[in-house]
Protein backbone atom coordinates (compact mmCIF):
# COMPACT_ATOMS: atom_id res chain seq x y z
CA UNK A 1 -13.19 14.03 -29.42
CA UNK A 2 -9.70 12.81 -28.52
CA UNK A 3 -8.54 9.23 -27.99
CA UNK A 4 -5.84 8.29 -25.53
CA UNK A 5 -3.34 6.63 -27.86
CA UNK A 6 0.02 7.29 -29.48
CA UNK A 7 -1.46 8.60 -32.71
CA UNK A 8 -3.56 11.26 -30.98
CA UNK A 9 -0.58 12.26 -28.86
CA UNK A 10 1.05 13.59 -32.03
CA UNK A 11 -1.66 16.27 -32.15
CA UNK A 12 -0.24 18.12 -29.16
CA UNK A 13 -2.45 21.16 -29.51
CA UNK A 14 -5.60 19.04 -29.05
CA UNK A 15 -4.32 17.99 -25.62
CA UNK A 16 -2.70 21.24 -24.55
CA UNK A 17 -5.83 23.24 -25.39
CA UNK A 18 -7.65 20.99 -22.91
CA UNK A 19 -5.14 21.75 -20.16
CA UNK A 20 -3.07 18.57 -20.28
CA UNK A 21 0.66 18.44 -19.62
CA UNK A 22 2.25 16.13 -22.19
CA UNK A 23 5.51 14.16 -22.21
CA UNK A 24 8.36 16.51 -23.03
CA UNK A 25 10.39 13.81 -24.72
CA UNK A 26 10.19 11.62 -27.80
CA UNK A 27 7.91 8.83 -26.55
CA UNK A 28 8.91 6.31 -29.22
CA UNK A 29 12.62 6.96 -28.71
CA UNK A 30 12.36 6.61 -24.93
CA UNK A 31 10.34 3.43 -25.23
CA UNK A 32 12.88 1.94 -27.62
CA UNK A 33 15.72 2.85 -25.24
CA UNK A 34 13.83 1.22 -22.39
CA UNK A 35 13.14 -2.00 -24.25
CA UNK A 36 16.76 -2.31 -25.35
CA UNK A 37 18.42 -1.26 -22.09
CA UNK A 38 15.91 -1.18 -19.22
CA UNK A 39 17.03 0.44 -15.96
CA UNK A 40 13.83 0.38 -13.88
CA UNK A 41 11.19 -2.35 -13.68
CA UNK A 42 8.14 -2.10 -11.45
CA UNK A 43 5.97 -4.97 -10.17
CA UNK A 44 2.37 -3.99 -9.46
CA UNK A 45 0.92 -2.03 -12.36
CA UNK A 46 -1.99 -0.61 -10.38
CA UNK A 47 -3.23 2.86 -9.54
CA UNK A 48 -0.47 4.01 -7.19
CA UNK A 49 2.22 2.98 -9.67
CA UNK A 50 0.87 5.32 -12.31
CA UNK A 51 0.10 8.07 -9.79
CA UNK A 52 3.56 8.08 -8.24
CA UNK A 53 6.43 5.92 -9.48
CA UNK A 54 5.60 6.33 -13.17
CA UNK A 55 5.05 10.06 -12.76
CA UNK A 56 8.39 10.46 -10.95
CA UNK A 57 10.11 8.74 -13.86
CA UNK A 58 8.29 10.99 -16.33
CA UNK A 59 9.55 14.05 -14.43
CA UNK A 60 13.11 12.74 -14.76
CA UNK A 61 12.56 12.28 -18.48
CA UNK A 62 10.99 15.71 -18.89
CA UNK A 63 13.99 17.34 -17.20
CA UNK A 64 16.57 15.32 -19.13
CA UNK A 65 17.93 13.39 -16.13
CA UNK A 66 17.35 9.98 -17.73
CA UNK A 67 16.72 8.52 -21.16
CA UNK A 68 14.81 5.38 -20.17
CA UNK A 69 11.25 4.88 -19.01
CA UNK A 70 9.64 2.02 -17.12
CA UNK A 71 8.55 -1.55 -17.69
CA UNK A 72 5.43 -2.41 -15.67
CA UNK A 73 4.78 -6.01 -14.66
CA UNK A 74 1.56 -7.30 -13.14
CA UNK A 75 1.48 -10.63 -11.34
CA UNK A 76 -1.77 -10.53 -9.38
CA UNK A 77 -4.69 -8.87 -11.14
CA UNK A 78 -3.48 -9.38 -14.68
CA UNK A 79 -6.79 -8.21 -16.21
CA UNK A 80 -5.58 -4.63 -15.93
CA UNK A 81 -2.99 -5.17 -18.66
CA UNK A 82 -5.49 -5.88 -21.49
CA UNK A 83 -8.11 -3.52 -20.05
CA UNK A 84 -6.30 -0.31 -19.06
CA UNK A 85 -2.88 -0.56 -20.67
CA UNK A 86 -3.10 -2.25 -24.08
CA UNK A 87 -6.19 -0.36 -25.38
CA UNK A 88 -4.44 2.95 -24.68
CA UNK A 89 -0.94 2.12 -26.00
CA UNK A 90 0.31 2.03 -22.39
CA UNK A 91 -0.58 5.70 -21.94
CA UNK A 92 -2.26 6.92 -18.76
CA UNK A 93 -3.78 10.12 -17.43
CA UNK A 94 -2.85 11.28 -13.93
CA UNK A 95 -5.10 13.90 -12.33
CA UNK A 96 -3.55 15.60 -9.28
CA UNK A 97 -6.22 17.08 -7.03
CA UNK A 98 -5.22 19.97 -4.78
CA UNK A 99 -6.87 21.03 -1.53
CA UNK A 100 -7.84 24.42 -2.99
CA UNK A 101 -9.85 22.76 -5.76
CA UNK A 102 -7.22 23.28 -8.44
CA UNK A 103 -5.89 20.31 -10.36
CA UNK A 104 -3.25 19.18 -12.83
CA UNK A 105 -3.75 16.77 -15.72
CA UNK A 106 -0.77 14.79 -17.00
CA UNK A 107 -0.50 12.28 -19.84
CA UNK A 108 2.14 9.64 -19.05
CA UNK A 109 3.97 8.12 -22.00
CA UNK A 110 6.93 6.44 -20.30
CA UNK A 111 5.64 2.88 -19.77
CA UNK A 112 7.47 1.10 -22.57
CA UNK A 113 5.97 -2.32 -21.84
CA UNK A 114 3.15 -3.62 -19.63
CA UNK A 115 3.66 -7.33 -19.03
CA UNK A 116 1.55 -10.10 -17.51
CA UNK A 117 3.82 -12.25 -15.36
CA UNK A 118 1.32 -15.12 -15.41
CA UNK A 119 1.18 -15.44 -19.22
CA UNK A 120 3.52 -15.93 -22.15
CA UNK A 121 4.85 -12.47 -21.28
CA UNK A 122 6.90 -14.20 -18.59
CA UNK A 123 9.57 -15.07 -21.16
CA UNK A 124 9.96 -11.37 -21.87
CA UNK A 125 10.16 -10.70 -18.12
CA UNK A 126 13.05 -13.19 -17.96
CA UNK A 127 14.80 -11.32 -20.78
CA UNK A 128 14.39 -8.01 -18.95
CA UNK A 129 15.75 -9.46 -15.70
CA UNK A 130 18.81 -10.72 -17.55
CA UNK A 131 19.83 -7.28 -18.84
CA UNK A 132 23.05 -5.88 -17.29
CA UNK A 133 21.59 -2.36 -17.56
CA UNK A 134 18.80 -3.10 -15.08
CA UNK A 135 19.39 -1.15 -11.86
CA UNK A 136 16.19 -1.21 -9.84
CA UNK A 137 13.20 -3.49 -9.45
CA UNK A 138 10.49 -1.81 -7.39
CA UNK A 139 7.28 -3.23 -5.95
CA UNK A 140 3.82 -2.00 -5.00
CA UNK A 141 2.02 -5.32 -4.59
CA UNK A 142 0.29 -4.66 -1.22
CA UNK A 143 0.98 -6.47 2.03
CA UNK A 144 -0.65 -9.67 0.78
CA UNK A 145 1.97 -10.09 -1.92
CA UNK A 146 4.62 -10.85 0.69
CA UNK A 147 2.70 -13.54 2.57
CA UNK A 148 4.43 -16.83 1.84
CA UNK A 149 3.67 -18.54 5.15
CA UNK A 150 0.46 -19.24 7.05
CA UNK A 151 -0.30 -18.41 10.69
CA UNK A 152 1.44 -21.59 11.80
CA UNK A 153 4.66 -20.56 10.09
CA UNK A 154 4.41 -23.10 7.29
CA UNK A 155 4.82 -22.20 3.64
CA UNK A 156 1.52 -21.78 1.83
CA UNK A 157 0.58 -24.46 -0.69
CA UNK A 158 1.81 -22.79 -3.88
CA UNK A 159 5.14 -21.84 -2.34
CA UNK A 160 5.58 -25.41 -1.08
CA UNK A 161 4.96 -26.60 -4.62
CA UNK A 162 7.43 -24.04 -5.99
CA UNK A 163 10.06 -25.25 -3.52
CA UNK A 164 9.49 -28.85 -4.51
CA UNK A 165 9.49 -28.29 -8.28
CA UNK A 166 12.29 -25.74 -8.47
CA UNK A 167 12.77 -22.28 -10.01
CA UNK A 168 11.85 -23.20 -13.58
CA UNK A 169 8.30 -24.09 -12.53
CA UNK A 170 7.67 -21.40 -9.91
CA UNK A 171 4.13 -19.99 -9.93
CA UNK A 172 3.78 -17.94 -6.73
CA UNK A 173 4.68 -14.24 -6.74
CA UNK A 174 7.69 -14.57 -4.47
CA UNK A 175 8.65 -17.85 -6.11
CA UNK A 176 8.82 -16.16 -9.49
CA UNK A 177 10.83 -13.21 -8.12
CA UNK A 178 13.34 -15.69 -6.69
CA UNK A 179 13.38 -17.59 -9.99
CA UNK A 180 13.97 -14.39 -11.95
CA UNK A 181 16.93 -13.55 -9.73
CA UNK A 182 18.26 -17.02 -10.45
CA UNK A 183 18.02 -16.30 -14.19
CA UNK A 184 19.94 -13.05 -13.66
CA UNK A 185 22.57 -14.92 -11.68
CA UNK A 186 23.02 -17.52 -14.42
CA UNK A 187 23.21 -14.82 -17.09
CA UNK A 188 26.10 -13.03 -15.41
CA UNK A 189 25.41 -12.48 -11.71
CA UNK A 190 24.81 -8.81 -12.42
CA UNK A 191 24.16 -6.55 -9.42
CA UNK A 192 20.60 -5.36 -8.80
CA UNK A 193 18.41 -3.66 -6.19
CA UNK A 194 14.95 -4.93 -5.21
CA UNK A 195 13.01 -2.04 -3.70
CA UNK A 196 9.74 -2.70 -1.90
CA UNK A 197 7.57 0.42 -1.94
CA UNK A 198 4.72 -1.15 0.01
CA UNK A 199 3.46 0.03 3.39
CA UNK A 200 5.15 -2.66 5.45
CA UNK A 201 7.50 -2.12 8.36
CA UNK A 202 11.08 -3.00 7.34
CA UNK A 203 9.76 -3.86 3.89
CA UNK A 204 13.19 -4.48 2.39
CA UNK A 205 14.04 -7.06 5.04
CA UNK A 206 10.74 -8.88 4.52
CA UNK A 207 11.32 -9.06 0.76
CA UNK A 208 14.89 -10.25 1.32
CA UNK A 209 13.81 -12.89 3.84
CA UNK A 210 11.24 -14.26 1.40
CA UNK A 211 13.61 -14.48 -1.52
CA UNK A 212 16.48 -15.99 0.47
CA UNK A 213 14.14 -18.40 2.25
CA UNK A 214 12.87 -19.83 -1.03
CA UNK A 215 16.38 -19.94 -2.51
CA UNK A 216 17.75 -21.83 0.48
CA UNK A 217 14.95 -24.39 0.19
CA UNK A 218 15.89 -24.86 -3.47
CA UNK A 219 19.52 -25.31 -2.51
CA UNK A 220 18.57 -28.08 -0.07
CA UNK A 221 16.98 -29.90 -3.00
CA UNK A 222 19.89 -29.18 -5.37
CA UNK A 223 17.65 -27.02 -7.56
CA UNK A 224 20.12 -24.10 -7.30
CA UNK A 225 23.77 -23.76 -6.33
CA UNK A 226 25.18 -22.39 -3.11
CA UNK A 227 26.79 -19.69 -5.22
CA UNK A 228 23.32 -18.39 -6.12
CA UNK A 229 22.31 -18.21 -2.46
CA UNK A 230 25.53 -16.35 -1.68
CA UNK A 231 24.81 -13.97 -4.57
CA UNK A 232 21.43 -12.86 -3.22
CA UNK A 233 22.80 -12.67 0.33
CA UNK A 234 25.62 -10.35 -0.73
CA UNK A 235 24.45 -6.73 -0.36
CA UNK A 236 27.16 -5.63 -2.76
CA UNK A 237 25.45 -7.75 -5.41
CA UNK A 238 21.75 -7.83 -4.51
CA UNK A 239 20.37 -5.16 -2.18
CA UNK A 240 16.94 -4.81 -0.59
CA UNK A 241 16.65 -1.14 0.47
CA UNK A 242 14.04 -0.14 3.04
CA UNK A 243 11.56 2.53 2.02
CA UNK A 244 8.74 4.69 3.31
CA UNK A 245 6.12 5.74 0.79
CA UNK A 246 3.22 8.11 1.40
CA UNK A 247 0.84 8.85 -1.44
CA UNK A 248 -2.93 8.64 -1.00
CA UNK A 249 -4.35 7.24 -4.24
CA UNK A 250 -8.03 6.28 -3.99
CA UNK A 251 -9.99 4.36 -6.58
CA UNK A 252 -10.61 6.26 -9.82
CA UNK A 253 -13.50 8.64 -9.20
CA UNK A 254 -16.50 8.90 -11.54
CA UNK A 255 -16.47 12.68 -11.17
CA UNK A 256 -12.98 12.69 -12.68
CA UNK A 257 -14.26 10.44 -15.45
CA UNK A 258 -17.01 12.96 -16.19
CA UNK A 259 -14.50 15.81 -16.18
CA UNK A 260 -12.27 14.01 -18.68
CA UNK A 261 -15.23 13.14 -20.87
CA UNK A 262 -16.26 16.79 -20.76
CA UNK A 263 -12.76 17.58 -22.01
CA UNK A 264 -13.56 15.37 -24.98
CA UNK A 265 -11.41 12.37 -24.00
CA UNK A 266 -12.99 9.14 -25.21
CA UNK A 267 -13.36 5.77 -23.43
CA UNK A 268 -12.59 6.81 -19.85
CA UNK A 269 -14.85 4.14 -18.34
CA UNK A 270 -14.05 2.59 -14.99
CA UNK A 271 -13.04 -1.06 -14.98
CA UNK A 272 -13.84 -3.49 -12.16
CA UNK A 273 -11.95 -6.74 -12.64
CA UNK A 274 -13.06 -10.19 -11.56
CA UNK A 275 -10.65 -9.81 -8.63
CA UNK A 276 -12.57 -6.67 -7.58
CA UNK A 277 -9.85 -4.21 -8.54
CA UNK A 278 -11.29 -0.82 -9.51
CA UNK A 279 -9.18 0.86 -12.14
CA UNK A 280 -9.39 3.02 -15.25
CA UNK A 281 -7.19 4.56 -17.95
CA UNK A 282 -6.80 7.48 -15.52
CA UNK A 283 -5.86 7.80 -11.86
CA UNK A 284 -6.70 10.57 -9.41
CA UNK A 285 -4.41 11.36 -6.53
CA UNK A 286 -3.41 14.03 -4.01
CA UNK A 287 -0.63 16.56 -4.47
CA UNK A 288 1.37 15.82 -1.32
CA UNK A 289 3.73 12.83 -1.43
CA UNK A 290 6.78 11.39 0.31
CA UNK A 291 9.20 8.67 -0.74
CA UNK A 292 12.19 7.94 1.52
CA UNK A 293 14.63 5.27 0.38
CA UNK A 294 17.72 3.66 1.90
CA UNK A 295 20.54 4.57 -0.48
CA UNK A 296 21.90 1.12 -1.29
CA UNK A 297 22.10 0.46 -5.03
CA UNK A 298 25.00 -1.74 -6.20
CA UNK A 299 24.25 -1.22 -9.91
CA UNK A 300 23.46 2.49 -9.66
CA UNK A 301 20.02 4.07 -9.61
CA UNK A 302 17.84 6.70 -11.27
CA UNK A 303 18.55 10.22 -9.87
CA UNK A 304 15.21 10.38 -8.09
CA UNK A 305 16.51 12.94 -5.61
CA UNK A 306 16.10 15.42 -8.48
CA UNK A 307 12.31 15.00 -8.23
CA UNK A 308 11.83 15.06 -4.46
CA UNK A 309 12.71 11.55 -3.31
CA UNK A 310 14.75 11.48 -0.10
CA UNK A 311 17.71 9.09 0.07
CA UNK A 312 19.14 8.33 3.47
CA UNK A 313 20.39 5.50 5.70
CA UNK A 314 18.36 2.49 6.83
CA UNK A 315 17.88 3.67 10.42
CA UNK A 316 16.38 6.97 9.29
CA UNK A 317 14.06 5.23 6.84
CA UNK A 318 12.82 3.06 9.69
CA UNK A 319 12.20 6.09 11.92
CA UNK A 320 10.21 7.84 9.18
CA UNK A 321 8.24 4.70 8.41
CA UNK A 322 7.49 4.14 12.10
CA UNK A 323 6.33 7.74 12.42
CA UNK A 324 3.97 7.40 9.48
CA UNK A 325 2.68 3.86 9.83
CA UNK A 326 2.30 3.71 13.62
CA UNK A 327 1.43 7.31 14.45
CA UNK A 328 0.72 10.07 12.01
CA UNK A 329 -1.19 8.57 9.09
CA UNK A 330 -2.04 4.89 8.86
CA UNK A 331 -3.60 4.48 12.33
CA UNK A 332 -5.76 7.54 11.69
CA UNK A 333 -6.82 6.14 8.33
CA UNK A 334 -7.80 2.79 9.83
CA UNK A 335 -9.70 4.47 12.68
CA UNK A 336 -11.67 6.58 10.20
CA UNK A 337 -12.32 3.50 8.08
CA UNK A 338 -13.77 1.53 10.99
CA UNK A 339 -15.88 4.24 12.56
CA UNK A 340 -16.81 5.78 9.22
CA UNK A 341 -18.29 2.46 8.13
CA UNK A 342 -20.13 2.08 11.42
CA UNK A 343 -21.53 5.61 11.26
CA UNK A 344 -22.62 5.44 7.64
CA UNK A 345 -19.99 7.63 5.98
CA UNK A 346 -18.80 7.02 2.43
CA UNK A 347 -16.12 9.72 2.30
CA UNK A 348 -13.01 10.29 4.42
CA UNK A 349 -13.22 14.05 3.87
CA UNK A 350 -16.84 14.07 5.08
CA UNK A 351 -15.75 12.21 8.21
CA UNK A 352 -13.25 14.96 8.91
CA UNK A 353 -16.16 17.44 9.05
CA UNK A 354 -17.62 15.36 11.89
CA UNK A 355 -16.54 16.92 15.17
CA UNK A 356 -16.48 13.60 17.04
CA UNK A 357 -14.42 11.70 14.46
CA UNK A 358 -11.98 14.51 13.76
CA UNK A 359 -11.53 15.08 17.48
CA UNK A 360 -11.01 11.38 18.08
CA UNK A 361 -8.26 10.77 15.50
CA UNK A 362 -6.54 14.04 16.41
CA UNK A 363 -6.42 13.26 20.12
CA UNK A 364 -5.40 9.65 19.51
CA UNK A 365 -2.43 10.80 17.42
CA UNK A 366 -1.28 13.65 19.64
CA UNK A 367 -1.93 12.11 23.06
CA UNK A 368 -1.22 8.39 22.63
CA UNK A 369 0.93 7.79 19.55
CA UNK A 370 3.10 10.88 19.05
CA UNK A 371 4.68 10.71 22.56
CA UNK A 372 6.40 7.39 21.75
CA UNK A 373 7.64 8.27 18.26
CA UNK A 374 11.33 8.95 17.68
CA UNK A 375 11.90 12.08 15.59
CA UNK A 376 13.54 11.04 12.27
CA UNK A 377 14.86 14.62 11.86
CA UNK A 378 14.41 14.70 8.07
CA UNK A 379 10.62 15.09 8.47
CA UNK A 380 9.11 16.74 11.57
CA UNK A 381 6.43 14.42 13.07
CA UNK A 382 4.17 17.26 14.20
CA UNK A 383 4.35 18.99 10.83
CA UNK A 384 3.68 15.68 9.09
CA UNK A 385 0.67 15.04 11.34
CA UNK A 386 -0.74 18.49 10.62
CA UNK A 387 -0.35 17.82 6.90
CA UNK A 388 -2.16 14.49 7.26
CA UNK A 389 -5.16 16.08 8.95
CA UNK A 390 -5.38 18.60 6.13
CA UNK A 391 -5.01 15.87 3.51
CA UNK A 392 -7.80 13.79 5.02
CA UNK A 393 -10.00 16.88 4.88
CA UNK A 394 -9.42 17.43 1.15
CA UNK A 395 -12.87 17.03 -0.47
CA UNK A 396 -11.22 16.58 -3.85
CA UNK A 397 -9.66 13.27 -2.82
CA UNK A 398 -12.66 10.92 -3.10
CA UNK A 399 -11.37 8.27 -0.72
CA UNK A 400 -13.76 6.04 1.19
CA UNK A 401 -13.66 4.33 4.58
CA UNK A 402 -14.76 1.17 2.80
CA UNK A 403 -11.58 1.08 0.69
CA UNK A 404 -9.34 1.83 3.66
CA UNK A 405 -11.04 -0.91 5.74
CA UNK A 406 -9.80 -3.59 3.33
CA UNK A 407 -7.49 -6.17 4.97
CA UNK A 408 -7.62 -4.52 8.39
CA UNK A 409 -6.61 -7.76 10.13
CA UNK A 410 -3.31 -7.61 8.24
CA UNK A 411 -2.62 -4.06 9.39
CA UNK A 412 -3.47 -3.97 13.08
CA UNK A 413 -0.08 -5.20 14.30
CA UNK A 414 1.71 -2.45 12.41
CA UNK A 415 -0.70 0.42 12.82
CA UNK A 416 -1.49 -0.08 16.51
CA UNK A 417 0.59 -2.97 17.82
CA UNK A 418 3.86 -1.06 17.57
CA UNK A 419 2.56 1.78 19.74
CA UNK A 420 1.05 -0.67 22.23
CA UNK A 421 4.39 -2.49 22.43
CA UNK A 422 6.19 0.80 23.08
CA UNK A 423 3.94 1.40 26.10
CA UNK A 424 4.70 -2.11 27.35
CA UNK A 425 8.46 -1.72 26.99
CA UNK A 426 9.02 1.85 28.21
CA UNK A 427 9.40 2.45 31.93
CA UNK A 428 7.84 5.91 31.70
CA UNK A 429 4.65 4.59 30.08
CA UNK A 430 1.78 2.37 31.24
CA UNK A 431 -0.13 0.48 28.56
CA UNK A 432 -3.23 0.48 30.76
CA UNK A 433 -3.52 4.26 30.37
CA UNK A 434 -4.33 3.88 26.66
CA UNK A 435 -7.96 4.62 25.82
CA UNK A 436 -8.26 5.79 22.21
CA UNK A 437 -6.37 2.86 20.66
CA UNK A 438 -8.36 0.29 22.67
CA UNK A 439 -11.53 1.98 21.41
CA UNK A 440 -10.39 1.50 17.80
CA UNK A 441 -9.77 -2.19 18.44
CA UNK A 442 -13.16 -2.51 20.11
CA UNK A 443 -14.65 -0.62 17.18
CA UNK A 444 -13.11 -3.09 14.75
CA UNK A 445 -14.70 -5.99 16.64
CA UNK A 446 -18.00 -4.11 16.51
CA UNK A 447 -17.41 -3.52 12.76
CA UNK A 448 -16.99 -7.28 12.22
CA UNK A 449 -20.63 -7.73 13.30
CA UNK A 450 -21.59 -6.16 9.95
CA UNK A 451 -24.35 -3.89 11.32
CA UNK A 452 -23.89 -0.12 11.55
CA UNK A 453 -24.82 2.21 14.38
CA UNK A 454 -28.30 2.71 12.93
CA UNK A 455 -29.03 -1.00 12.62
CA UNK A 456 -28.34 -1.25 8.89
CA UNK A 457 -26.50 -4.28 7.55
CA UNK A 458 -23.45 -3.27 5.50
CA UNK A 459 -20.89 -5.07 3.34
CA UNK A 460 -17.71 -5.70 5.27
CA UNK A 461 -14.63 -4.88 3.19
CA UNK A 462 -12.52 -7.84 1.97
CA UNK A 463 -10.18 -9.32 4.54
CA UNK A 464 -8.45 -12.73 4.49
CA UNK A 465 -9.45 -13.49 8.11
CA UNK A 466 -13.17 -12.68 7.92
CA UNK A 467 -14.24 -16.32 7.83
CA UNK A 468 -12.03 -17.01 10.81
CA UNK A 469 -12.99 -14.04 12.98
CA UNK A 470 -16.67 -13.39 12.36
CA UNK A 471 -17.95 -16.73 13.75
CA UNK A 472 -16.72 -15.69 17.21
CA UNK A 473 -19.21 -12.81 17.12
CA UNK A 474 -22.14 -14.58 15.48
CA UNK A 475 -24.15 -14.93 18.69
CA UNK A 476 -23.82 -11.28 19.62
CA UNK A 477 -26.56 -8.82 18.79
CA UNK A 478 -26.94 -5.12 19.44
CA UNK A 479 -28.85 -4.92 22.70
CA UNK A 480 -26.86 -7.73 24.35
CA UNK A 481 -25.77 -7.17 27.91
CA UNK A 482 -23.22 -8.92 30.02
CA UNK A 483 -19.62 -10.11 29.75
CA UNK A 484 -18.20 -10.46 26.23
CA UNK A 485 -14.87 -12.09 27.16
CA UNK A 486 -15.89 -15.47 25.74
CA UNK A 487 -16.56 -13.94 22.32
CA UNK A 488 -13.60 -11.54 22.20
CA UNK A 489 -10.81 -13.63 23.72
CA UNK A 490 -10.24 -15.74 20.56
CA UNK A 491 -9.75 -12.50 18.64
CA UNK A 492 -7.91 -10.26 21.10
CA UNK A 493 -5.46 -12.96 22.19
CA UNK A 494 -4.09 -13.38 18.66
CA UNK A 495 -0.67 -11.79 18.74
CA UNK A 496 -0.22 -12.35 15.01
CA UNK A 497 -3.06 -9.86 14.45
CA UNK A 498 -2.20 -7.25 17.08
CA UNK A 499 1.52 -7.84 17.54
CA UNK A 500 0.84 -8.79 21.17
CA UNK A 501 -1.62 -10.88 23.17
CA UNK A 502 -3.90 -8.14 24.46
CA UNK A 503 -5.02 -10.31 27.37
CA UNK A 504 -1.50 -10.88 28.61
CA UNK A 505 -0.84 -7.15 28.89
CA UNK A 506 -4.25 -6.37 30.41
CA UNK A 507 -5.49 -4.14 27.60
CA UNK A 508 -8.47 -6.42 27.05
CA UNK A 509 -10.20 -4.84 30.05
CA UNK A 510 -10.49 -1.44 28.35
CA UNK A 511 -11.34 -2.99 24.97
CA UNK A 512 -14.11 -5.15 26.41
CA UNK A 513 -15.51 -2.17 28.33
CA UNK A 514 -15.76 -0.11 25.15
CA UNK A 515 -17.17 -3.01 23.16
CA UNK A 516 -19.88 -3.68 25.74
CA UNK A 517 -20.92 -0.02 25.56
CA UNK A 518 -21.07 -0.08 21.75
CA UNK A 519 -23.43 -3.05 21.59
CA UNK A 520 -25.88 -1.87 24.24
CA UNK A 521 -28.10 -0.15 21.72
CA UNK A 522 -28.14 1.44 18.30
CA UNK A 523 -26.46 4.82 18.46
CA UNK A 524 -24.06 3.56 21.11
CA UNK A 525 -21.00 3.67 18.84
CA UNK A 526 -21.16 7.45 18.56
CA UNK A 527 -22.04 7.81 22.24
CA UNK A 528 -18.98 5.75 23.19
CA UNK A 529 -16.70 7.90 21.03
CA UNK A 530 -18.16 11.01 22.64
CA UNK A 531 -17.69 9.65 26.13
CA UNK A 532 -14.01 8.87 25.52
CA UNK A 533 -13.47 12.36 24.12
CA UNK A 534 -15.18 13.90 27.15
CA UNK A 535 -13.19 11.86 29.65
CA UNK A 536 -9.80 12.40 28.00
């Protein structure tokens, strides 16, 4: 049996005989370099970080392009630090699953420190932020991590408290990031780049707006100087590059756990935290990946272009992100999540074997979304879409519609609202001709009823607006007939969810029609999908 720790890593043959690719560098030396002179810090120490950003850094180390690793910082679900980092000496296993059934197994050794931002570790985080060597601070904290205001546009309670009490007492995620920048400013106003790698449109601008907004509120209260505000506003000092990231990384799969245990690797148990994060000392992920970054780094950057990252200008990043998030991947994922849950599926790849579901997402992408996408040139939209359909069909990526359905209310405006808005704005398009996208929105409303197409009650995936939205549907039952406007208007008119008031543009008519069909009887969800496919 082999344990995942630094001592066992010295016995290279034990790992290599089991098919693992090991770090091709002196782990202790690299970790010491990183602690003394960090260049790259990452916030969000979850599954995708280890599957992608950490592995990219390891490739740079293996090829001799850098001599520093990473420092991982967790500020949300801090249980993962003592549960999947500390017990394994910050080592991780990454299993890359290929569509042909082949796989790669990598041991990552480049995370020099794994820190809990909400604990005494925060003092060490301050030290790291103050280092002149630090070039890049990246983030994978999910869309929720950037929410500092409520639906009315007011700062949420903790951010209001942070603003009142000043940077030294900040507790919110964005409050602490702003406070850490203030520490860096006081130490020497060293240049730095903050790089959001989350699936949010114009992610760099959103991060910048949050940080500057908090800083300006502090300045009003004399908690910080105007010079600090000018520092973070100056792109030659503090930059916020836009990015597009594409890497499907589902929850750790028990089949992978069994495979690793069969290899003789000890203690590979899954961990479910009190915040409902599913994690493990290993991650499983797909082979295909894209990372496109605006090349704006005032203090330099790691040479990530050597390992497949594309650096370009901001406009091109936005085009690629729009292509992915509004057309070729994310809308398809959300559609499969909604209808997969309603039709009783527990696997995205199994959904893609279903003729109705595969036909639906394919037609929606090609016929409604792709025609309004601007070609970014560096990645062909049609080729990308074809890759996506193959990726979704990969049976070795154990992703579930239930995972993808998480926080759908936070994603609708990006994944469908942008395309809807394009139809509203373009003279050669008529939003009322849309049929597939309205069916997805109607399907989501049907999903919120919490009963599948066979009449079985199911657990709705976590979403911050569930308690707000579900009461509007509480009086509806499958078998209801008649007009549903009264129930749906409070949902469909919310432009903060869909990016537009669907009643004002007349799209509610199609949505309500589809919804009424889907609640006529059990089995009507599939019948409605089939009818739209037949009529298209």
